[in-house]
Each structure stands twice: as structure tokens, then as C-alpha cells.
Amino acid sequence: MDATETRPLPTWLELALRARIWAPFCFLYFALLFTWAETAPGGLYESDGYFHARYAQLFPERGLTREFPWTQASTWRGNFCDKEFLYHMLLVPFCRNPIEPIKGAQILAVILALAVLVAQYYLLRLHHVPHPLLCTLIFASLSGAVLLRLGMIRSHVLSMLLFQVGLHLMLDKRWKALAALGFIYAWSYTFPWVLPLTAAIFALGHGVSRGEWRLRPPAAALAGVTVGSILHPYFPGTLENFLTYIQVIALSASGRVQSGVTLGNELYALTPGEFLRNFPLLTLLQTVGFAWALLRFKARLRPESIATMGVAWFWFAGCLLMPRLIEYAAPATALAAGFLLRDLLAGVNLRAAFTGPKRVPWLVGLAAAATILAGAHSSSVSTFVATVQDRPPRRFSGAAGWMKRHLEPGETIMNLWWDDFPELYYDAPEQHYLCGLDPTYMLRWNEVVTRRLEAMRARKRGLDGAWLLDSFGSRLLILRRPAADAYPELRGKGWKTLYEDEHAALFHYEGLAED
């Protein structure tokens, strides 16, 4: 054996490569990061968590009812379907405090975020990827959006975990377990078809690499999701959810102007410049790293590596159209990077490479990779921290206190911004509202009325108190304070201010007084 092959590695490199030593410290770091994000002063940086916390707190007394009167201008009012049933069941034991259920939801949010990172690490280890902690750090460094979405109190974090389990089952060829996972997915997430789509791309990539076309992965996943959707406690509402999600995709693809309604920002495509700024490492790996490895070393890549790369490319393409799909592009990209690392280093004596006469290129390459990863992670954490620190306060807590003291339970309070609903529902669940969570459910309920409400919200037409009263039987309107200041008619004849503070204002329509 050549002497250079027996020379010990530098101490710093030997320590750096011992993932089992560093893994607990790494996960403790992420646990502290997400705990800080959940407990920092102020409100949530993503308001949907308020809805999920209050819904879970009220579930034991409401059960599987199909009525949801909190959104009067929505199909949910009389045809409610809990599209995230198992996620809410996970939340229930954490959200028993009727005053502040959000505190329990924040505990589960930290647990789920950490579970996704730990699952990524063990997914890599189970499939014999060298240095799995390195590829887990790649996952957490692909974009600040990855950390932001991991820290949200929303069902997509559970979906990420199920997605990782699905990839493991596909790699292990456990089709019955994959079908069972599909069933669980259908009870857990809005769009469980993520699993059969992923299985189809996995099978396609495997077929391209081996010339053997396997129908069992997509068939098993599709069967599980289909049966789960049919046996769902809210069936046939699950079919309505599927159609609604297709409509969401169509609306987001058409853009804000053409669709006529405003959806969540994560649903709209970014410009090329914005995409590169938000996803630099993801773009580098997908367009340069994977392509280079495939073109130059295809013969050395295992079929599952090419299949996983295909899955990563598929969700990366989805990310170009809808940035929120980073939640699937990120774990798939990190797994594919790990597989490429495993296959390309197969048969390479790292001890000889880093200590032998040709060690300089290896050390330079390692230094360059470490620098890129450190820079990407620093940028991701900086984006995460800045967003958390810039989060808004609870805007409707003061108005909610006034409503509890002065209004009868069940009165309808008109709101024009659908993303105000989670806070209103959380702080004042005794009252009902108009718009809630997703304007697509409003469009499916009544497109004409929804577009008229949207025109008022966007200030394309003035507030029509008489029409609002006739349509919804309510004289009460609540707005964020900055939004209220944009409607001069609210300070004129016909409207009376009932309550206002620095964050919100509540108005009463005085026109068309009854005899």
C-alpha cells in the first residue's frame, strides 16, 4: 500500500467528517433557532397559524360538523371540509388552552420542523450516503424560504415529513407501505396528490436509467390517496377540495391582474432575478451540479440516484411556477445531492486523496464547497431572522375585546381582506365574518359577489354600505387601521366609528335606517 494512503487525515478534517459527533449539536442549533422564532415578541410571521390553533382548540366541541359559519361568503359556510384533518388532530392535544391555544401550536411547530430535518438526516443515512449531516445542512441552506416554511404552523410541514417517508419507501420498493402512506396523506394535507406525482416521476427516472418501466410506485401511491380521499370523514368534500386546488393553480398561473383576485404571495411565479436572489444554492445545484454529474458520470450513477434527480428537477420546475413548492424541491434536491456524492465517491480513497501528492485540488475543492455552503446557510438564516423580527403584532386583539363586550355572539362582522380572517377567528371566535383563508372558496360560492368585494378591497370602487347590508345583513365592518385610512367615505356621512386603535378600526353603517 502506498505510504500516502496510510497517512492520517488532518485532525480538523477527521473531526469534520464525524457526522455522528456533530449531529446532536446541529439539531440542537436548529431546535433553538425555531424555538426563538416561535417565542420572539410579536405576532406570527405567517398568520394562518392562528386559524389552525383556534380550529384545533374548538374541535372537541364541534366535532365533524360540515358547517363553518365563520366565513359567510364562502362554500365553507354550509359545505365545510377539513382538508388537513390529521394535522388538526395532532394539534388538538397541544391547543387545549381556550385563551391562547397558539402557544401549544408553537410547540408542535418546533417539533415538526425539527422532525423534518432529522428525517432528512436519517433518510440519507439509511441509503448509505456518506456524510449525511452535510447533505442535511444543504437542505437547510438552499433558501431562507426553506427555514421560513419549516417554521410555519401549517400542514405543509407535516406534508414535507410524509414526502420524505414516501421517498424512502420508493427507494426501498415497499409498495404496500407506500399505498398506506397515500391513505394517511389524503387525511393529512390539502393536496395529497403530491405523493403519486412524485412516484410517477421517480418511476420515469428509474425507467430512463434502466430501461425498466415500473408502474407499481405511482399505482400504489395513487391507490392509497384515492381510497383515503373516498374514505375521508369529509367525503365528498375532498373532491371539492381537489377541484378548488386545481383552480388555485390556474388562478396563480394567470397572475394577479388576469385572475381578478389576489392569492397568497407564495403562489405567484417570481421573476428570474427574484428567483435567483431567493434560491441561489438551489439553482446552482439544479442547473450546474446535477447536469454536470449526469452528463459526465452517468455510467457511475445508480438508477435510484437518477430517479431521485428526476424528482428534484420536477419540483424545481414547479418552484419556478409556484415558489411554495420549495417544500418538496428542497428535500428532493438534498437527497439527490447526497446520492450523487455517494456514487461519485464510490471507490475513491479519501484518505489518499486528501493526503497524497494530488491533495491540493481536493483541498481546494473542499474549501470552495465549504465556503459556498457556509455563505448559503448564512444568507438563509439571515433571511429567516429578518422575517421573524419584522413580523406584525396581533392586530385585532383590541377590537376583539371590544366586540366581546358590546356585540351578541354570532353577529356577522364584514371584512374585505381574506388574510385578516385567521387573526379575527382566533381573537374573536364568537363572531362570524365574510372572507376567510382562500378567495378560491369565495369564487366557487359566488363569483359575482366575490369580484365585487374584491373591487372594494382593491379600491376600484367605493364601499357600498347599502349593498353590503342587503347582501349579508350586517352593518359592521372591520379593517386594519392602514386599510381603513384608505377609505375616506368611512369618515363621512353614513358610517360611524365604533372602535379604533393603532392597528384596527371597527365601523357601523348608519345608512338606510329602519323605520
Protein backbone atom coordinates (compact mmCIF):
# COMPACT_ATOMS: atom_id res chain seq x y z
CA MET A 1 0.00 0.00 0.00
CA ASP A 2 1.31 3.41 -0.88
CA ALA A 3 2.52 5.42 2.10
CA THR A 4 0.29 8.30 1.19
CA GLU A 5 -2.73 6.06 1.63
CA THR A 6 -1.88 5.30 5.26
CA ARG A 7 -1.04 8.82 6.29
CA PRO A 8 -3.66 10.10 8.76
CA LEU A 9 -6.06 12.81 7.74
CA PRO A 10 -5.56 16.26 9.24
CA THR A 11 -7.21 16.42 12.65
CA TRP A 12 -9.63 19.17 11.60
CA LEU A 13 -10.80 17.15 8.61
CA GLU A 14 -11.08 13.94 10.62
CA LEU A 15 -13.31 15.70 13.15
CA ALA A 16 -15.38 17.45 10.48
CA LEU A 17 -16.25 14.14 8.84
CA ARG A 18 -17.58 12.52 12.02
CA ALA A 19 -21.26 13.27 11.48
CA ARG A 20 -22.45 11.29 14.50
CA ILE A 21 -20.46 13.55 16.80
CA TRP A 22 -21.78 16.78 15.31
CA ALA A 23 -25.37 15.72 14.53
CA PRO A 24 -26.79 16.29 18.07
CA PHE A 25 -25.22 19.76 18.21
CA CYS A 26 -26.55 20.56 14.75
CA PHE A 27 -30.11 19.58 15.64
CA LEU A 28 -29.87 21.45 18.94
CA TYR A 29 -28.89 24.54 16.96
CA PHE A 30 -31.97 24.21 14.75
CA ALA A 31 -34.20 23.49 17.75
CA LEU A 32 -33.01 26.71 19.39
CA LEU A 33 -33.43 28.65 16.15
CA PHE A 34 -37.05 27.56 15.66
CA THR A 35 -37.85 27.95 19.37
CA TRP A 36 -36.58 31.53 19.23
CA ALA A 37 -38.68 32.17 16.12
CA GLU A 38 -41.84 30.93 17.85
CA THR A 39 -41.27 32.73 21.15
CA ALA A 40 -39.90 36.08 19.93
CA PRO A 41 -42.11 39.07 20.84
CA GLY A 42 -44.91 39.99 18.45
CA GLY A 43 -47.35 38.02 16.38
CA LEU A 44 -46.75 35.18 13.93
CA TYR A 45 -44.84 35.97 10.75
CA GLU A 46 -47.43 33.88 8.86
CA SER A 47 -50.98 34.38 10.10
CA ASP A 48 -52.58 31.05 9.05
CA GLY A 49 -51.26 29.54 12.28
CA TYR A 50 -53.89 31.48 14.21
CA PHE A 51 -56.63 29.69 12.28
CA HIS A 52 -55.15 26.23 12.85
CA ALA A 53 -54.64 26.83 16.58
CA ARG A 54 -58.19 28.07 17.17
CA TYR A 55 -59.73 25.40 14.94
CA ALA A 56 -57.92 22.66 16.88
CA GLN A 57 -58.99 24.20 20.21
CA LEU A 58 -62.66 24.27 19.14
CA PHE A 59 -62.64 20.84 17.51
CA PRO A 60 -63.59 18.77 20.59
CA GLU A 61 -66.87 20.68 20.96
CA ARG A 62 -67.63 20.98 17.23
CA GLY A 63 -66.60 17.53 16.02
CA LEU A 64 -67.04 16.58 12.36
CA THR A 65 -69.62 19.23 11.53
CA ARG A 66 -69.87 20.34 7.90
CA GLU A 67 -70.92 23.86 8.80
CA PHE A 68 -68.43 26.66 9.24
CA PRO A 69 -70.38 29.90 9.76
CA TRP A 70 -67.24 31.97 10.38
CA THR A 71 -66.91 32.53 6.61
CA GLN A 72 -70.25 33.74 5.30
CA ALA A 73 -69.01 34.47 1.77
CA SER A 74 -67.57 31.02 1.10
CA THR A 75 -68.55 27.45 0.25
CA TRP A 76 -67.27 26.62 3.74
CA ARG A 77 -70.34 28.17 5.35
CA GLY A 78 -72.55 25.15 4.66
CA ASN A 79 -70.19 22.71 2.97
CA PHE A 80 -67.08 22.64 5.11
CA CYS A 81 -64.35 20.06 4.58
CA ASP A 82 -61.37 19.79 6.89
CA LYS A 83 -58.70 19.29 4.26
CA GLU A 84 -55.99 18.89 6.90
CA PHE A 85 -57.80 16.55 9.28
CA LEU A 86 -54.90 14.56 10.74
CA TYR A 87 -52.78 17.70 11.09
CA HIS A 88 -55.53 19.23 13.20
CA MET A 89 -55.78 16.02 15.22
CA LEU A 90 -52.07 16.39 16.01
CA LEU A 91 -52.73 19.96 17.13
CA VAL A 92 -55.71 19.17 19.38
CA PRO A 93 -53.76 17.99 22.48
CA PHE A 94 -51.41 20.98 22.15
CA CYS A 95 -54.20 23.56 21.82
CA ARG A 96 -56.36 22.95 24.87
CA ASN A 97 -55.87 26.44 26.31
CA PRO A 98 -59.02 28.37 25.26
CA ILE A 99 -57.37 31.76 25.85
CA GLU A 100 -54.09 31.28 23.95
CA PRO A 101 -54.09 27.96 22.04
CA ILE A 102 -51.36 29.37 19.80
CA LYS A 103 -48.74 28.63 22.47
CA GLY A 104 -49.35 24.90 22.19
CA ALA A 105 -49.39 25.12 18.40
CA GLN A 106 -45.96 26.76 18.52
CA ILE A 107 -44.59 23.80 20.49
CA LEU A 108 -45.82 21.38 17.83
CA ALA A 109 -44.39 23.66 15.12
CA VAL A 110 -40.90 23.34 16.61
CA ILE A 111 -41.30 19.57 16.94
CA LEU A 112 -42.42 19.14 13.32
CA ALA A 113 -39.70 21.45 11.92
CA LEU A 114 -37.04 19.51 13.78
CA ALA A 115 -38.63 16.19 12.75
CA VAL A 116 -38.29 17.13 9.07
CA LEU A 117 -34.58 17.90 9.48
CA VAL A 118 -33.93 14.72 11.49
CA ALA A 119 -35.90 12.69 8.92
CA GLN A 120 -33.72 14.13 6.15
CA TYR A 121 -30.60 13.06 8.05
CA TYR A 122 -31.83 9.51 8.62
CA LEU A 123 -33.16 9.24 5.07
CA LEU A 124 -29.63 9.92 3.86
CA ARG A 125 -28.08 7.53 6.39
CA LEU A 126 -30.49 4.70 5.60
CA HIS A 127 -29.49 4.89 1.96
CA HIS A 128 -25.77 4.89 2.71
CA VAL A 129 -25.00 8.47 1.75
CA PRO A 130 -21.58 9.44 3.12
CA HIS A 131 -21.60 12.44 5.45
CA PRO A 132 -25.41 12.68 5.76
CA LEU A 133 -25.14 15.68 8.06
CA LEU A 134 -23.50 17.64 5.25
CA CYS A 135 -26.44 16.97 2.92
CA THR A 136 -28.89 17.80 5.72
CA LEU A 137 -27.18 21.18 6.03
CA ILE A 138 -27.52 21.59 2.27
CA PHE A 139 -31.27 21.05 2.71
CA ALA A 140 -31.43 23.77 5.39
CA SER A 141 -29.28 26.15 3.31
CA LEU A 142 -30.99 26.02 -0.08
CA SER A 143 -33.01 29.17 0.69
CA GLY A 144 -34.32 31.27 3.53
CA ALA A 145 -37.74 30.18 2.26
CA VAL A 146 -36.96 26.62 3.42
CA LEU A 147 -36.46 27.73 7.03
CA LEU A 148 -39.45 30.07 6.86
CA ARG A 149 -41.77 27.35 5.61
CA LEU A 150 -40.40 24.85 8.12
CA GLY A 151 -41.23 27.25 10.95
CA MET A 152 -44.85 27.86 9.97
CA ILE A 153 -47.84 26.49 11.86
CA ARG A 154 -49.31 24.91 8.74
CA SER A 155 -50.00 21.45 7.42
CA HIS A 156 -47.38 21.60 4.68
CA VAL A 157 -44.70 20.86 7.32
CA LEU A 158 -46.41 17.54 8.02
CA SER A 159 -46.65 17.06 4.25
CA MET A 160 -42.87 17.53 3.96
CA LEU A 161 -42.37 14.78 6.53
CA LEU A 162 -44.73 12.43 4.69
CA PHE A 163 -42.98 13.29 1.42
CA GLN A 164 -39.65 12.20 2.90
CA VAL A 165 -41.17 8.94 4.15
CA GLY A 166 -42.61 8.40 0.66
CA LEU A 167 -39.20 8.81 -0.96
CA HIS A 168 -37.76 6.27 1.48
CA LEU A 169 -40.49 3.74 0.65
CA MET A 170 -39.96 4.22 -3.08
CA LEU A 171 -36.23 3.66 -2.70
CA ASP A 172 -36.91 0.54 -0.59
CA LYS A 173 -39.54 -0.74 -3.07
CA ARG A 174 -42.16 -1.10 -0.32
CA TRP A 175 -45.29 -0.62 -2.37
CA LYS A 176 -47.88 -1.74 0.19
CA ALA A 177 -46.42 0.67 2.72
CA LEU A 178 -46.45 3.37 0.03
CA ALA A 179 -50.16 2.77 -0.55
CA ALA A 180 -50.79 3.01 3.20
CA LEU A 181 -48.84 6.25 3.28
CA GLY A 182 -51.02 7.56 0.45
CA PHE A 183 -54.09 6.87 2.58
CA ILE A 184 -52.57 8.81 5.51
CA TYR A 185 -51.54 11.63 3.15
CA ALA A 186 -55.14 12.02 1.96
CA TRP A 187 -56.28 12.59 5.55
CA SER A 188 -53.43 14.98 6.35
CA TYR A 189 -53.00 17.51 3.57
CA THR A 190 -54.89 19.69 1.10
CA PHE A 191 -53.22 18.22 -1.99
CA PRO A 192 -52.16 14.62 -1.27
CA TRP A 193 -51.60 14.08 -5.00
CA VAL A 194 -48.05 15.26 -4.30
CA LEU A 195 -47.27 11.61 -3.49
CA PRO A 196 -48.49 9.93 -6.73
CA LEU A 197 -46.96 12.75 -8.80
CA THR A 198 -43.61 12.16 -7.11
CA ALA A 199 -43.93 8.39 -7.53
CA ALA A 200 -44.67 8.82 -11.26
CA ILE A 201 -41.56 10.97 -11.79
CA PHE A 202 -39.50 8.53 -9.71
CA ALA A 203 -40.67 5.63 -11.88
CA LEU A 204 -39.96 7.62 -15.05
CA GLY A 205 -36.42 8.44 -13.92
CA HIS A 206 -35.79 4.83 -12.98
CA GLY A 207 -37.11 3.71 -16.35
CA VAL A 208 -34.86 6.13 -18.24
CA SER A 209 -31.79 4.87 -16.39
CA ARG A 210 -32.54 1.13 -16.58
CA GLY A 211 -34.97 0.73 -19.43
CA GLU A 212 -37.35 -0.95 -16.99
CA TRP A 213 -40.65 0.86 -16.57
CA ARG A 214 -42.20 0.32 -13.17
CA LEU A 215 -45.87 1.12 -12.75
CA ARG A 216 -46.07 -0.06 -9.15
CA PRO A 217 -44.75 3.15 -7.47
CA PRO A 218 -47.35 5.52 -8.98
CA ALA A 219 -50.07 2.84 -8.88
CA ALA A 220 -49.54 2.17 -5.17
CA ALA A 221 -49.41 5.87 -4.27
CA LEU A 222 -52.43 6.69 -6.41
CA ALA A 223 -54.45 3.82 -4.98
CA GLY A 224 -53.69 4.87 -1.41
CA VAL A 225 -54.54 8.54 -1.99
CA THR A 226 -57.73 7.68 -3.88
CA VAL A 227 -59.02 5.27 -1.24
CA GLY A 228 -58.03 7.72 1.50
CA SER A 229 -59.91 10.54 -0.24
CA ILE A 230 -63.04 8.38 -0.60
CA LEU A 231 -62.96 7.08 3.00
CA HIS A 232 -62.14 10.53 4.35
CA PRO A 233 -64.52 11.73 7.12
CA TYR A 234 -65.46 14.72 4.93
CA PHE A 235 -66.03 12.90 1.65
CA PRO A 236 -67.25 14.05 -0.91
CA GLY A 237 -65.83 17.39 0.20
CA THR A 238 -62.38 16.00 -0.65
CA LEU A 239 -63.37 16.04 -4.32
CA GLU A 240 -64.39 19.68 -3.99
CA ASN A 241 -61.01 20.38 -2.40
CA PHE A 242 -59.24 18.77 -5.35
CA LEU A 243 -61.16 20.94 -7.84
CA THR A 244 -60.53 24.01 -5.72
CA TYR A 245 -56.79 23.37 -5.64
CA ILE A 246 -56.73 22.97 -9.43
CA GLN A 247 -58.49 26.33 -9.62
CA VAL A 248 -55.88 27.83 -7.28
CA ILE A 249 -53.12 26.63 -9.63
CA ALA A 250 -54.95 28.09 -12.63
CA LEU A 251 -55.51 31.43 -10.88
CA SER A 252 -51.90 31.71 -9.75
CA ALA A 253 -50.64 30.84 -13.24
CA SER A 254 -52.79 33.59 -14.78
CA GLY A 255 -51.34 36.22 -12.42
CA ARG A 256 -52.89 38.83 -10.19
CA VAL A 257 -54.27 41.02 -12.97
CA GLN A 258 -55.85 38.35 -15.16
CA SER A 259 -57.31 36.33 -12.28
CA GLY A 260 -59.07 39.32 -10.75
CA VAL A 261 -58.34 38.16 -7.19
CA THR A 262 -55.26 38.24 -5.02
CA LEU A 263 -53.92 34.94 -3.65
CA GLY A 264 -51.02 34.32 -1.27
CA ASN A 265 -47.66 35.69 -2.45
CA GLU A 266 -46.05 32.23 -2.39
CA LEU A 267 -48.43 31.14 -5.18
CA TYR A 268 -47.18 33.60 -7.80
CA ALA A 269 -44.14 32.99 -10.00
CA LEU A 270 -41.06 35.10 -9.30
CA THR A 271 -39.15 37.00 -11.96
CA PRO A 272 -35.81 35.35 -12.93
CA GLY A 273 -33.91 37.91 -10.87
CA GLU A 274 -36.11 37.39 -7.82
CA PHE A 275 -35.81 33.63 -8.16
CA LEU A 276 -32.01 33.73 -8.26
CA ARG A 277 -31.92 36.00 -5.21
CA ASN A 278 -34.27 33.75 -3.27
CA PHE A 279 -32.91 30.36 -4.38
CA PRO A 280 -29.20 30.75 -5.25
CA LEU A 281 -27.85 27.41 -3.99
CA LEU A 282 -30.90 25.51 -5.25
CA THR A 283 -30.43 26.99 -8.72
CA LEU A 284 -26.69 26.27 -8.70
CA LEU A 285 -27.18 22.62 -7.78
CA GLN A 286 -30.08 22.03 -10.15
CA THR A 287 -28.73 23.75 -13.27
CA VAL A 288 -24.98 23.17 -12.90
CA GLY A 289 -24.27 20.44 -10.36
CA PHE A 290 -26.86 17.86 -11.40
CA ALA A 291 -26.45 18.47 -15.14
CA TRP A 292 -22.65 18.18 -14.91
CA ALA A 293 -22.86 14.96 -12.89
CA LEU A 294 -25.42 13.39 -15.22
CA LEU A 295 -23.62 14.29 -18.46
CA ARG A 296 -20.14 13.33 -17.30
CA PHE A 297 -20.70 10.47 -14.88
CA LYS A 298 -23.98 8.86 -15.95
CA ALA A 299 -22.40 5.40 -16.07
CA ARG A 300 -21.40 5.71 -12.41
CA LEU A 301 -24.81 6.84 -11.19
CA ARG A 302 -27.18 4.27 -9.73
CA PRO A 303 -30.77 4.11 -11.02
CA GLU A 304 -32.20 5.44 -7.78
CA SER A 305 -29.84 8.42 -8.00
CA ILE A 306 -31.12 9.34 -11.46
CA ALA A 307 -34.72 8.72 -10.36
CA THR A 308 -34.29 11.00 -7.34
CA MET A 309 -32.59 13.60 -9.50
CA GLY A 310 -35.65 13.49 -11.77
CA VAL A 311 -37.90 14.11 -8.75
CA ALA A 312 -35.71 17.04 -7.70
CA TRP A 313 -35.84 18.53 -11.21
CA PHE A 314 -39.62 18.12 -11.33
CA TRP A 315 -40.21 20.03 -8.10
CA PHE A 316 -37.58 22.61 -9.06
CA ALA A 317 -39.58 23.26 -12.25
CA GLY A 318 -42.68 23.56 -10.07
CA CYS A 319 -40.83 26.06 -7.90
CA LEU A 320 -40.28 28.26 -10.95
CA LEU A 321 -44.06 28.49 -11.34
CA MET A 322 -45.05 28.48 -7.65
CA PRO A 323 -42.31 29.30 -5.08
CA ARG A 324 -44.09 27.49 -2.24
CA LEU A 325 -43.12 24.18 -3.87
CA ILE A 326 -39.67 24.69 -2.36
CA GLU A 327 -41.06 22.48 0.41
CA TYR A 328 -40.65 19.49 -1.94
CA ALA A 329 -37.82 20.75 -4.13
CA ALA A 330 -35.56 21.22 -1.08
CA PRO A 331 -35.65 17.70 0.45
CA ALA A 332 -35.54 16.07 -3.00
CA THR A 333 -32.56 18.22 -4.05
CA ALA A 334 -30.62 17.47 -0.87
CA LEU A 335 -31.31 13.74 -1.25
CA ALA A 336 -30.25 13.78 -4.90
CA ALA A 337 -27.07 15.69 -3.96
CA GLY A 338 -26.32 13.04 -1.36
CA PHE A 339 -26.80 10.23 -3.86
CA LEU A 340 -24.51 11.96 -6.37
CA LEU A 341 -21.89 12.38 -3.66
CA ARG A 342 -22.21 8.70 -2.75
CA ASP A 343 -21.93 7.47 -6.35
CA LEU A 344 -19.14 9.80 -7.45
CA LEU A 345 -17.00 9.00 -4.39
CA ALA A 346 -17.55 5.26 -4.67
CA GLY A 347 -14.13 3.61 -4.90
CA VAL A 348 -12.32 6.85 -4.07
CA ASN A 349 -9.84 6.57 -1.19
CA LEU A 350 -10.49 9.88 0.56
CA ARG A 351 -7.55 9.37 2.90
CA ALA A 352 -5.22 9.07 -0.08
CA ALA A 353 -6.93 11.91 -1.91
CA PHE A 354 -6.53 14.40 0.94
CA THR A 355 -3.02 13.34 1.98
CA GLY A 356 -1.42 12.21 -1.27
CA PRO A 357 0.56 14.17 -3.86
CA LYS A 358 -2.65 15.35 -5.58
CA ARG A 359 -4.21 16.59 -2.39
CA VAL A 360 -4.21 20.28 -3.39
CA PRO A 361 -7.15 20.05 -5.86
CA TRP A 362 -9.13 18.04 -3.32
CA LEU A 363 -8.45 20.52 -0.54
CA VAL A 364 -9.25 23.47 -2.79
CA GLY A 365 -12.48 21.81 -3.87
CA LEU A 366 -13.42 21.09 -0.25
CA ALA A 367 -12.67 24.68 0.75
CA ALA A 368 -14.74 26.04 -2.13
CA ALA A 369 -17.69 23.77 -1.28
CA ALA A 370 -17.48 24.67 2.41
CA THR A 371 -17.37 28.39 1.56
CA ILE A 372 -20.41 28.14 -0.72
CA LEU A 373 -22.36 26.15 1.86
CA ALA A 374 -21.43 28.50 4.71
CA GLY A 375 -22.41 31.54 2.65
CA ALA A 376 -25.69 29.98 1.58
CA HIS A 377 -26.57 28.96 5.13
CA SER A 378 -25.67 32.38 6.49
CA SER A 379 -27.88 34.01 3.86
CA SER A 380 -30.76 31.62 4.60
CA VAL A 381 -30.60 32.22 8.34
CA SER A 382 -30.31 35.98 7.84
CA THR A 383 -33.48 35.97 5.72
CA PHE A 384 -35.24 33.84 8.30
CA VAL A 385 -34.20 36.03 11.24
CA ALA A 386 -35.06 39.28 9.43
CA THR A 387 -38.54 38.00 8.57
CA VAL A 388 -39.19 36.82 12.13
CA GLN A 389 -38.04 40.13 13.59
CA ASP A 390 -40.18 42.10 11.14
CA ARG A 391 -43.39 40.22 11.88
CA PRO A 392 -46.50 42.25 12.67
CA PRO A 393 -48.14 42.49 16.09
CA ARG A 394 -51.53 40.98 16.88
CA ARG A 395 -53.70 43.49 15.06
CA PHE A 396 -57.22 42.65 16.15
CA SER A 397 -56.85 41.74 19.83
CA GLY A 398 -58.03 45.17 20.98
CA ALA A 399 -61.00 45.20 18.62
CA ALA A 400 -61.81 41.63 19.66
CA GLY A 401 -62.06 42.70 23.28
CA TRP A 402 -64.48 45.48 22.35
CA MET A 403 -66.65 43.09 20.30
CA LYS A 404 -66.86 40.60 23.17
CA ARG A 405 -68.10 43.36 25.47
CA HIS A 406 -70.59 45.01 23.10
CA LEU A 407 -71.81 42.50 20.49
CA GLU A 408 -74.00 39.45 20.63
CA PRO A 409 -72.33 36.13 19.73
CA GLY A 410 -72.90 35.10 16.13
CA GLU A 411 -73.11 38.61 14.65
CA THR A 412 -71.51 38.92 11.21
CA ILE A 413 -68.59 41.34 11.01
CA MET A 414 -67.71 42.21 7.42
CA ASN A 415 -64.05 42.01 6.45
CA LEU A 416 -62.60 42.59 2.98
CA TRP A 417 -59.10 41.12 3.36
CA TRP A 418 -59.22 37.32 3.47
CA ASP A 419 -55.81 37.18 5.18
CA ASP A 420 -57.26 39.15 8.14
CA PHE A 421 -59.55 36.23 8.88
CA PRO A 422 -57.13 33.95 10.80
CA GLU A 423 -56.49 36.65 13.42
CA LEU A 424 -60.18 37.60 13.64
CA TYR A 425 -61.21 33.97 14.04
CA TYR A 426 -58.51 33.43 16.66
CA ASP A 427 -59.13 36.56 18.75
CA ALA A 428 -62.92 36.75 18.42
CA PRO A 429 -64.32 33.30 17.55
CA GLU A 430 -67.70 34.37 18.96
CA GLN A 431 -68.38 36.41 15.79
CA HIS A 432 -68.78 35.48 12.12
CA TYR A 433 -67.01 37.08 9.16
CA LEU A 434 -67.19 37.28 5.36
CA CYS A 435 -63.84 36.40 3.80
CA GLY A 436 -61.63 33.66 5.08
CA LEU A 437 -58.32 31.94 4.24
CA ASP A 438 -58.70 31.41 0.50
CA PRO A 439 -60.57 33.56 -2.07
CA THR A 440 -60.95 30.48 -4.29
CA TYR A 441 -63.65 29.14 -1.97
CA MET A 442 -65.36 32.51 -2.30
CA LEU A 443 -65.21 32.36 -6.10
CA ARG A 444 -66.74 28.89 -6.08
CA TRP A 445 -69.50 30.17 -3.78
CA ASN A 446 -70.48 33.25 -5.83
CA GLU A 447 -68.11 34.71 -8.41
CA VAL A 448 -70.12 37.92 -8.99
CA VAL A 449 -70.30 38.82 -5.29
CA THR A 450 -66.67 37.86 -4.72
CA ARG A 451 -65.41 40.07 -7.52
CA ARG A 452 -67.47 42.98 -6.21
CA LEU A 453 -65.97 42.52 -2.74
CA GLU A 454 -62.52 42.30 -4.32
CA ALA A 455 -63.15 45.54 -6.22
CA MET A 456 -63.99 47.27 -2.93
CA ARG A 457 -60.90 45.81 -1.28
CA ALA A 458 -58.67 46.96 -4.15
CA ARG A 459 -60.30 50.44 -4.12
CA LYS A 460 -61.54 50.02 -7.66
CA ARG A 461 -64.96 51.02 -6.36
CA GLY A 462 -66.14 52.70 -3.18
CA LEU A 463 -67.57 50.99 -0.14
CA ASP A 464 -71.25 50.31 -0.80
CA GLY A 465 -72.75 50.00 2.65
CA ALA A 466 -76.29 49.54 1.34
CA TRP A 467 -75.23 46.64 -0.90
CA LEU A 468 -73.22 45.04 1.92
CA LEU A 469 -76.20 45.32 4.25
CA ASP A 470 -78.55 43.85 1.67
CA SER A 471 -76.18 41.02 0.76
CA PHE A 472 -75.01 39.97 4.23
CA GLY A 473 -77.42 41.54 6.70
CA SER A 474 -74.63 43.29 8.55
CA ARG A 475 -73.81 46.89 9.30
CA LEU A 476 -70.41 46.17 10.90
CA LEU A 477 -67.10 46.42 9.04
CA ILE A 478 -63.65 45.75 10.48
CA LEU A 479 -60.38 46.72 8.82
CA ARG A 480 -56.72 47.07 9.65
CA ARG A 481 -56.05 50.70 10.53
CA PRO A 482 -53.88 51.46 7.45
CA ALA A 483 -56.56 49.96 5.19
CA ALA A 484 -59.30 51.93 6.96
CA ASP A 485 -57.41 55.17 6.37
CA ALA A 486 -57.57 54.49 2.61
CA TYR A 487 -61.39 54.74 2.60
CA PRO A 488 -62.34 58.42 3.08
CA GLU A 489 -66.06 57.52 2.97
CA LEU A 490 -65.70 55.78 6.33
CA ARG A 491 -65.05 59.18 7.95
CA GLY A 492 -68.00 60.83 6.24
CA LYS A 493 -71.76 60.62 6.44
CA GLY A 494 -73.23 57.13 6.58
CA TRP A 495 -70.53 55.42 8.67
CA LYS A 496 -69.80 55.64 12.37
CA THR A 497 -66.56 54.62 14.07
CA LEU A 498 -67.28 52.25 16.95
CA TYR A 499 -63.72 51.36 17.89
CA GLU A 500 -60.21 52.14 16.72
CA ASP A 501 -56.66 51.76 17.88
CA GLU A 502 -53.30 51.91 16.15
CA HIS A 503 -53.85 48.53 14.47
CA ALA A 504 -57.57 48.17 13.65
CA ALA A 505 -60.86 50.01 13.35
CA LEU A 506 -64.50 48.88 13.55
CA PHE A 507 -67.27 50.80 11.75
CA HIS A 508 -71.07 50.78 11.75
CA TYR A 509 -73.09 51.58 8.62
CA GLU A 510 -75.69 54.20 9.57
CA GLY A 511 -77.49 54.49 6.22
CA LEU A 512 -80.95 53.14 5.32
CA ALA A 513 -82.12 53.35 8.92
CA GLU A 514 -85.16 51.23 9.61
CA ASP A 515 -88.47 52.97 10.40
